[in-house]
Amino acid sequence: MARLLSQQDDFANQEPMPETLIKKTGHLCIFLPKFHCELNPIEMASGLLHFNVRDSDSESSCWQYWGWCKYRYRERPKNNFAEAKQAAVQFLDACPLDVLRRFINRSWRFMSAYRKGLNGEAAVWAVRNTALYLKLPYI
């Protein structure tokens, strides 16, 4: 039944309700596939919350925005909700621009690998190797 309905023009051409509501407010809406956090620079590797101060430049390319901010947010003690909100905004704004660029470049490498037809393991291998040499021979 769902397959049959999805093939009908009125269902296939209709925007999802969240997208409609977001566009009404003047914002852009992008839906990313589930379980592909490597395509989203905000979510990628958010579980890697350790921070190596000695080698932060080379290591930080593996971490993503939320992980970077969550690690620093959790380090700072907060006594009430107002302090927690203030700390959240402070650490979201504190992420350096070069770190954000690394996150986005890594996401682009994954997108390129998937466009070339690589599966998950092959894409991880290709992205890891291209990140080492900063060129795209495999992707």
N, C-alpha and C. Protein backbone atom coordinates (compact mmCIF):
# COMPACT_ATOMS: atom_id res chain seq x y z
N MET A 1 0.82 -1.19 0.00
CA MET A 1 0.00 0.00 0.00
C MET A 1 0.87 1.27 0.00
N ALA A 2 1.93 1.28 0.85
CA ALA A 2 2.80 2.45 0.91
C ALA A 2 3.51 2.67 -0.41
N ARG A 3 3.91 1.57 -1.06
CA ARG A 3 4.58 1.67 -2.35
C ARG A 3 3.64 2.24 -3.41
N LEU A 4 2.42 1.79 -3.39
CA LEU A 4 1.42 2.27 -4.34
C LEU A 4 1.14 3.76 -4.14
N LEU A 5 0.99 4.18 -2.89
CA LEU A 5 0.74 5.59 -2.61
C LEU A 5 1.94 6.46 -2.96
N SER A 6 3.14 5.94 -2.75
CA SER A 6 4.34 6.75 -3.04
C SER A 6 4.52 7.00 -4.53
N GLN A 7 3.86 6.19 -5.37
CA GLN A 7 3.98 6.37 -6.81
C GLN A 7 2.94 7.35 -7.37
N GLN A 8 1.98 7.74 -6.56
CA GLN A 8 0.95 8.68 -7.01
C GLN A 8 1.52 10.10 -7.01
N ASP A 9 1.16 10.88 -8.03
CA ASP A 9 1.71 12.23 -8.19
C ASP A 9 1.42 13.14 -7.00
N ASP A 10 0.19 13.08 -6.49
CA ASP A 10 -0.14 14.00 -5.40
C ASP A 10 0.64 13.69 -4.12
N PHE A 11 1.03 12.43 -3.91
CA PHE A 11 1.86 12.09 -2.76
C PHE A 11 3.34 12.33 -3.04
N ALA A 12 3.79 12.00 -4.23
CA ALA A 12 5.21 12.11 -4.57
C ALA A 12 5.67 13.56 -4.64
N ASN A 13 4.80 14.48 -5.06
CA ASN A 13 5.19 15.87 -5.24
C ASN A 13 4.89 16.76 -4.04
N GLN A 14 4.34 16.19 -2.98
CA GLN A 14 4.00 16.98 -1.80
C GLN A 14 5.22 17.09 -0.88
N GLU A 15 5.48 18.31 -0.40
CA GLU A 15 6.58 18.53 0.55
C GLU A 15 6.18 18.00 1.92
N PRO A 16 7.14 17.45 2.67
CA PRO A 16 6.84 17.04 4.04
C PRO A 16 6.45 18.25 4.90
N MET A 17 5.61 18.03 5.89
CA MET A 17 5.12 19.12 6.73
C MET A 17 6.25 19.88 7.44
N PRO A 18 7.27 19.19 8.02
CA PRO A 18 8.35 19.96 8.65
C PRO A 18 9.06 20.90 7.67
N GLU A 19 9.25 20.43 6.44
CA GLU A 19 9.91 21.26 5.43
C GLU A 19 9.06 22.49 5.10
N THR A 20 7.75 22.30 4.99
CA THR A 20 6.85 23.40 4.70
C THR A 20 6.88 24.44 5.81
N LEU A 21 6.83 23.98 7.06
CA LEU A 21 6.83 24.91 8.20
C LEU A 21 8.16 25.67 8.30
N ILE A 22 9.26 24.99 8.04
CA ILE A 22 10.57 25.63 8.12
C ILE A 22 10.72 26.68 7.02
N LYS A 23 10.26 26.35 5.81
CA LYS A 23 10.36 27.30 4.70
C LYS A 23 9.47 28.52 4.91
N LYS A 24 8.33 28.35 5.59
CA LYS A 24 7.44 29.48 5.87
C LYS A 24 8.13 30.52 6.75
N THR A 25 9.02 30.08 7.61
CA THR A 25 9.72 31.01 8.50
C THR A 25 10.92 31.66 7.81
N GLY A 26 11.19 31.27 6.56
CA GLY A 26 12.28 31.89 5.82
C GLY A 26 13.61 31.17 5.92
N HIS A 27 13.61 29.96 6.46
CA HIS A 27 14.85 29.20 6.60
C HIS A 27 14.95 28.14 5.52
N LEU A 28 16.14 27.62 5.32
CA LEU A 28 16.35 26.50 4.40
C LEU A 28 16.22 25.20 5.17
N CYS A 29 15.77 24.16 4.50
CA CYS A 29 15.59 22.86 5.13
C CYS A 29 16.36 21.82 4.33
N ILE A 30 17.22 21.08 5.00
CA ILE A 30 17.99 20.02 4.35
C ILE A 30 17.76 18.74 5.15
N PHE A 31 17.29 17.69 4.48
CA PHE A 31 17.13 16.40 5.12
C PHE A 31 18.32 15.53 4.75
N LEU A 32 19.01 15.02 5.75
CA LEU A 32 20.15 14.13 5.53
C LEU A 32 19.71 12.71 5.82
N PRO A 33 20.31 11.72 5.13
CA PRO A 33 19.90 10.33 5.37
C PRO A 33 20.23 9.88 6.78
N LYS A 34 19.36 9.05 7.34
CA LYS A 34 19.60 8.50 8.67
C LYS A 34 20.80 7.57 8.63
N PHE A 35 21.47 7.48 9.73
CA PHE A 35 22.60 6.57 9.93
C PHE A 35 23.78 6.88 9.02
N HIS A 36 23.84 8.08 8.48
CA HIS A 36 25.00 8.50 7.69
C HIS A 36 25.54 9.78 8.30
N CYS A 37 26.00 9.68 9.55
CA CYS A 37 26.47 10.88 10.23
C CYS A 37 27.73 11.44 9.59
N GLU A 38 28.42 10.65 8.77
CA GLU A 38 29.62 11.17 8.11
C GLU A 38 29.28 12.20 7.05
N LEU A 39 28.02 12.29 6.65
CA LEU A 39 27.61 13.29 5.67
C LEU A 39 27.22 14.61 6.33
N ASN A 40 27.10 14.62 7.64
CA ASN A 40 26.67 15.80 8.36
C ASN A 40 27.81 16.30 9.24
N PRO A 41 28.41 17.43 8.91
CA PRO A 41 29.55 17.90 9.70
C PRO A 41 29.19 18.25 11.14
N ILE A 42 27.92 18.48 11.43
CA ILE A 42 27.52 18.78 12.80
C ILE A 42 27.53 17.51 13.65
N GLU A 43 27.11 16.39 13.10
CA GLU A 43 26.94 15.17 13.87
C GLU A 43 28.14 14.22 13.83
N MET A 44 28.97 14.32 12.83
CA MET A 44 30.00 13.31 12.60
C MET A 44 30.90 13.11 13.82
N ALA A 45 31.03 11.89 14.23
CA ALA A 45 31.96 11.48 15.29
C ALA A 45 31.76 12.24 16.58
N SER A 46 30.52 12.52 16.94
CA SER A 46 30.29 13.28 18.17
C SER A 46 30.64 12.48 19.41
N GLY A 47 30.79 11.19 19.28
CA GLY A 47 31.18 10.38 20.42
C GLY A 47 32.65 10.49 20.77
N LEU A 48 33.46 11.00 19.86
CA LEU A 48 34.89 11.12 20.13
C LEU A 48 35.14 12.42 20.88
N LEU A 49 34.99 12.37 22.18
CA LEU A 49 35.05 13.59 22.96
C LEU A 49 36.39 13.80 23.65
N HIS A 50 37.35 12.94 23.40
CA HIS A 50 38.66 13.16 24.02
C HIS A 50 39.40 14.24 23.26
N PHE A 51 40.33 14.86 23.91
CA PHE A 51 41.04 15.97 23.28
C PHE A 51 42.52 15.83 23.61
N ASN A 52 43.33 15.78 22.58
CA ASN A 52 44.76 15.63 22.75
C ASN A 52 45.40 16.99 22.49
N VAL A 53 45.77 17.68 23.55
CA VAL A 53 46.29 19.03 23.42
C VAL A 53 47.61 19.05 22.66
N ARG A 54 48.45 18.03 22.86
CA ARG A 54 49.77 18.02 22.23
C ARG A 54 49.67 17.94 20.72
N ASP A 55 48.67 17.24 20.22
CA ASP A 55 48.59 17.02 18.78
C ASP A 55 47.23 17.48 18.27
N SER A 56 46.77 18.63 18.72
CA SER A 56 45.40 19.05 18.41
C SER A 56 45.19 19.33 16.93
N ASP A 57 46.20 19.82 16.20
CA ASP A 57 45.99 20.15 14.80
C ASP A 57 45.71 18.93 13.95
N SER A 58 46.47 17.86 14.13
CA SER A 58 46.26 16.67 13.30
C SER A 58 45.09 15.84 13.78
N GLU A 59 44.84 15.83 15.08
CA GLU A 59 43.76 15.01 15.62
C GLU A 59 42.39 15.63 15.39
N SER A 60 42.30 16.96 15.38
CA SER A 60 40.99 17.59 15.37
C SER A 60 40.24 17.37 14.06
N SER A 61 40.93 16.96 13.00
CA SER A 61 40.22 16.71 11.75
C SER A 61 39.30 15.50 11.86
N CYS A 62 39.50 14.67 12.87
CA CYS A 62 38.65 13.49 13.07
C CYS A 62 37.40 13.82 13.88
N TRP A 63 37.38 14.93 14.56
CA TRP A 63 36.25 15.28 15.42
C TRP A 63 35.33 16.21 14.68
N GLN A 64 34.11 16.25 15.12
CA GLN A 64 33.17 17.13 14.46
C GLN A 64 32.63 18.15 15.45
N TYR A 65 31.86 19.04 14.94
CA TYR A 65 31.42 20.23 15.66
C TYR A 65 30.77 19.91 17.00
N TRP A 66 29.78 19.02 17.03
CA TRP A 66 29.11 18.72 18.29
C TRP A 66 30.07 18.11 19.28
N GLY A 67 30.90 17.20 18.83
CA GLY A 67 31.87 16.58 19.73
C GLY A 67 32.83 17.60 20.29
N TRP A 68 33.27 18.51 19.45
CA TRP A 68 34.19 19.57 19.87
C TRP A 68 33.54 20.42 20.96
N CYS A 69 32.29 20.82 20.71
CA CYS A 69 31.59 21.70 21.65
C CYS A 69 31.15 20.96 22.92
N LYS A 70 30.67 19.71 22.76
CA LYS A 70 30.21 18.96 23.93
C LYS A 70 31.34 18.70 24.91
N TYR A 71 32.51 18.40 24.38
CA TYR A 71 33.65 18.13 25.26
C TYR A 71 33.94 19.34 26.13
N ARG A 72 34.02 20.51 25.52
CA ARG A 72 34.33 21.72 26.27
C ARG A 72 33.18 22.14 27.19
N TYR A 73 31.95 21.91 26.74
CA TYR A 73 30.78 22.24 27.56
C TYR A 73 30.76 21.40 28.83
N ARG A 74 31.08 20.13 28.72
CA ARG A 74 31.05 19.24 29.88
C ARG A 74 32.19 19.51 30.85
N GLU A 75 33.27 20.12 30.38
CA GLU A 75 34.40 20.42 31.26
C GLU A 75 34.07 21.54 32.25
N ARG A 76 33.20 22.44 31.88
CA ARG A 76 32.91 23.62 32.69
C ARG A 76 31.74 23.37 33.63
N PRO A 77 31.90 23.59 34.93
CA PRO A 77 30.78 23.39 35.86
C PRO A 77 29.72 24.47 35.68
N LYS A 78 28.46 24.06 35.83
CA LYS A 78 27.33 24.97 35.69
C LYS A 78 26.43 24.81 36.91
N ASN A 79 26.04 25.92 37.54
CA ASN A 79 25.26 25.86 38.77
C ASN A 79 23.76 25.94 38.55
N ASN A 80 23.33 26.54 37.44
CA ASN A 80 21.90 26.64 37.19
C ASN A 80 21.64 26.63 35.68
N PHE A 81 20.36 26.67 35.32
CA PHE A 81 19.99 26.55 33.91
C PHE A 81 20.47 27.75 33.09
N ALA A 82 20.43 28.93 33.67
CA ALA A 82 20.88 30.13 32.94
C ALA A 82 22.36 30.03 32.59
N GLU A 83 23.17 29.54 33.53
CA GLU A 83 24.60 29.35 33.25
C GLU A 83 24.81 28.28 32.19
N ALA A 84 23.99 27.24 32.22
CA ALA A 84 24.11 26.16 31.23
C ALA A 84 23.80 26.70 29.83
N LYS A 85 22.75 27.52 29.70
CA LYS A 85 22.42 28.10 28.40
C LYS A 85 23.53 29.03 27.91
N GLN A 86 24.07 29.83 28.81
CA GLN A 86 25.14 30.75 28.45
C GLN A 86 26.39 29.99 28.02
N ALA A 87 26.72 28.91 28.73
CA ALA A 87 27.89 28.10 28.37
C ALA A 87 27.70 27.43 27.02
N ALA A 88 26.48 26.96 26.74
CA ALA A 88 26.22 26.30 25.46
C ALA A 88 26.46 27.26 24.31
N VAL A 89 25.93 28.46 24.40
CA VAL A 89 26.12 29.46 23.34
C VAL A 89 27.59 29.83 23.22
N GLN A 90 28.25 29.97 24.36
CA GLN A 90 29.67 30.35 24.35
C GLN A 90 30.51 29.30 23.61
N PHE A 91 30.30 28.03 23.89
CA PHE A 91 31.13 27.00 23.27
C PHE A 91 30.74 26.73 21.82
N LEU A 92 29.47 26.91 21.47
CA LEU A 92 29.09 26.79 20.07
C LEU A 92 29.74 27.89 19.24
N ASP A 93 29.84 29.08 19.81
CA ASP A 93 30.48 30.20 19.10
C ASP A 93 32.00 30.12 19.13
N ALA A 94 32.56 29.36 20.07
CA ALA A 94 34.02 29.33 20.24
C ALA A 94 34.73 28.38 19.29
N CYS A 95 33.99 27.55 18.57
CA CYS A 95 34.63 26.60 17.65
C CYS A 95 35.34 27.39 16.55
N PRO A 96 36.66 27.21 16.40
CA PRO A 96 37.41 27.99 15.40
C PRO A 96 36.97 27.67 13.97
N LEU A 97 37.09 28.66 13.12
CA LEU A 97 36.66 28.53 11.73
C LEU A 97 37.45 27.45 10.99
N ASP A 98 38.75 27.32 11.26
CA ASP A 98 39.53 26.29 10.57
C ASP A 98 39.09 24.89 10.97
N VAL A 99 38.64 24.71 12.21
CA VAL A 99 38.12 23.41 12.65
C VAL A 99 36.82 23.11 11.92
N LEU A 100 35.93 24.09 11.81
CA LEU A 100 34.68 23.89 11.07
C LEU A 100 34.95 23.55 9.61
N ARG A 101 35.94 24.20 9.01
CA ARG A 101 36.29 23.90 7.62
C ARG A 101 36.76 22.46 7.46
N ARG A 102 37.55 21.98 8.43
CA ARG A 102 38.00 20.58 8.36
C ARG A 102 36.82 19.62 8.43
N PHE A 103 35.85 19.92 9.31
CA PHE A 103 34.67 19.07 9.42
C PHE A 103 33.91 19.02 8.10
N ILE A 104 33.73 20.18 7.49
CA ILE A 104 32.98 20.25 6.23
C ILE A 104 33.74 19.58 5.10
N ASN A 105 35.06 19.76 5.04
CA ASN A 105 35.85 19.10 4.00
C ASN A 105 35.78 17.59 4.14
N ARG A 106 35.79 17.08 5.36
CA ARG A 106 35.70 15.63 5.55
C ARG A 106 34.33 15.11 5.10
N SER A 107 33.29 15.86 5.39
CA SER A 107 31.95 15.47 4.93
C SER A 107 31.89 15.44 3.41
N TRP A 108 32.52 16.43 2.75
CA TRP A 108 32.54 16.47 1.29
C TRP A 108 33.29 15.26 0.73
N ARG A 109 34.36 14.84 1.39
CA ARG A 109 35.09 13.65 0.92
C ARG A 109 34.21 12.41 0.99
N PHE A 110 33.43 12.28 2.07
CA PHE A 110 32.51 11.15 2.17
C PHE A 110 31.45 11.21 1.08
N MET A 111 30.89 12.40 0.83
CA MET A 111 29.88 12.53 -0.22
C MET A 111 30.46 12.14 -1.57
N SER A 112 31.67 12.56 -1.83
CA SER A 112 32.33 12.23 -3.09
C SER A 112 32.54 10.72 -3.21
N ALA A 113 32.96 10.09 -2.13
CA ALA A 113 33.18 8.64 -2.15
C ALA A 113 31.87 7.90 -2.42
N TYR A 114 30.78 8.31 -1.79
CA TYR A 114 29.49 7.66 -2.03
C TYR A 114 29.00 7.90 -3.45
N ARG A 115 29.25 9.10 -4.00
CA ARG A 115 28.86 9.37 -5.38
C ARG A 115 29.60 8.47 -6.36
N LYS A 116 30.83 8.11 -6.01
CA LYS A 116 31.63 7.23 -6.87
C LYS A 116 31.22 5.77 -6.73
N GLY A 117 30.31 5.47 -5.81
CA GLY A 117 29.80 4.12 -5.67
C GLY A 117 30.48 3.28 -4.60
N LEU A 118 31.30 3.87 -3.76
CA LEU A 118 31.96 3.11 -2.70
C LEU A 118 30.97 2.79 -1.59
N ASN A 119 31.15 1.62 -0.97
CA ASN A 119 30.31 1.27 0.18
C ASN A 119 30.91 1.88 1.44
N GLY A 120 30.33 1.61 2.60
CA GLY A 120 30.76 2.25 3.84
C GLY A 120 32.21 2.04 4.19
N GLU A 121 32.68 0.79 4.20
CA GLU A 121 34.07 0.51 4.57
C GLU A 121 35.04 1.08 3.56
N ALA A 122 34.73 0.96 2.28
CA ALA A 122 35.61 1.50 1.25
C ALA A 122 35.65 3.03 1.32
N ALA A 123 34.52 3.65 1.63
CA ALA A 123 34.49 5.11 1.75
C ALA A 123 35.34 5.58 2.92
N VAL A 124 35.25 4.87 4.05
CA VAL A 124 36.07 5.23 5.21
C VAL A 124 37.54 5.10 4.87
N TRP A 125 37.91 4.03 4.19
CA TRP A 125 39.32 3.82 3.80
C TRP A 125 39.78 4.94 2.86
N ALA A 126 38.96 5.27 1.87
CA ALA A 126 39.35 6.30 0.90
C ALA A 126 39.47 7.67 1.57
N VAL A 127 38.53 8.00 2.45
CA VAL A 127 38.58 9.30 3.13
C VAL A 127 39.79 9.37 4.05
N ARG A 128 40.06 8.28 4.75
CA ARG A 128 41.22 8.26 5.64
C ARG A 128 42.51 8.46 4.85
N ASN A 129 42.64 7.79 3.72
CA ASN A 129 43.86 7.91 2.92
C ASN A 129 43.97 9.26 2.23
N THR A 130 42.86 9.81 1.77
CA THR A 130 42.95 11.13 1.13
C THR A 130 43.22 12.21 2.15
N ALA A 131 42.74 12.03 3.37
CA ALA A 131 43.01 13.02 4.41
C ALA A 131 44.49 13.03 4.77
N LEU A 132 45.15 11.88 4.65
CA LEU A 132 46.58 11.83 4.97
C LEU A 132 47.41 12.60 3.96
N TYR A 133 47.02 12.56 2.71
CA TYR A 133 47.82 13.17 1.65
C TYR A 133 47.24 14.49 1.15
N LEU A 134 46.05 14.86 1.64
CA LEU A 134 45.37 16.09 1.25
C LEU A 134 45.20 16.23 -0.25
N LYS A 135 44.96 15.12 -0.90
CA LYS A 135 44.58 15.12 -2.31
C LYS A 135 43.54 14.04 -2.50
N LEU A 136 42.92 13.97 -3.63
CA LEU A 136 41.81 13.05 -3.83
C LEU A 136 42.10 12.02 -4.91
N PRO A 137 43.11 11.15 -4.73
CA PRO A 137 43.38 10.17 -5.78
C PRO A 137 42.35 9.05 -5.82
N TYR A 138 41.76 8.70 -4.68
CA TYR A 138 40.85 7.56 -4.62
C TYR A 138 39.40 7.97 -4.79
N ILE A 139 39.12 9.23 -4.56
CA ILE A 139 37.72 9.67 -4.56
C ILE A 139 37.46 10.52 -5.78
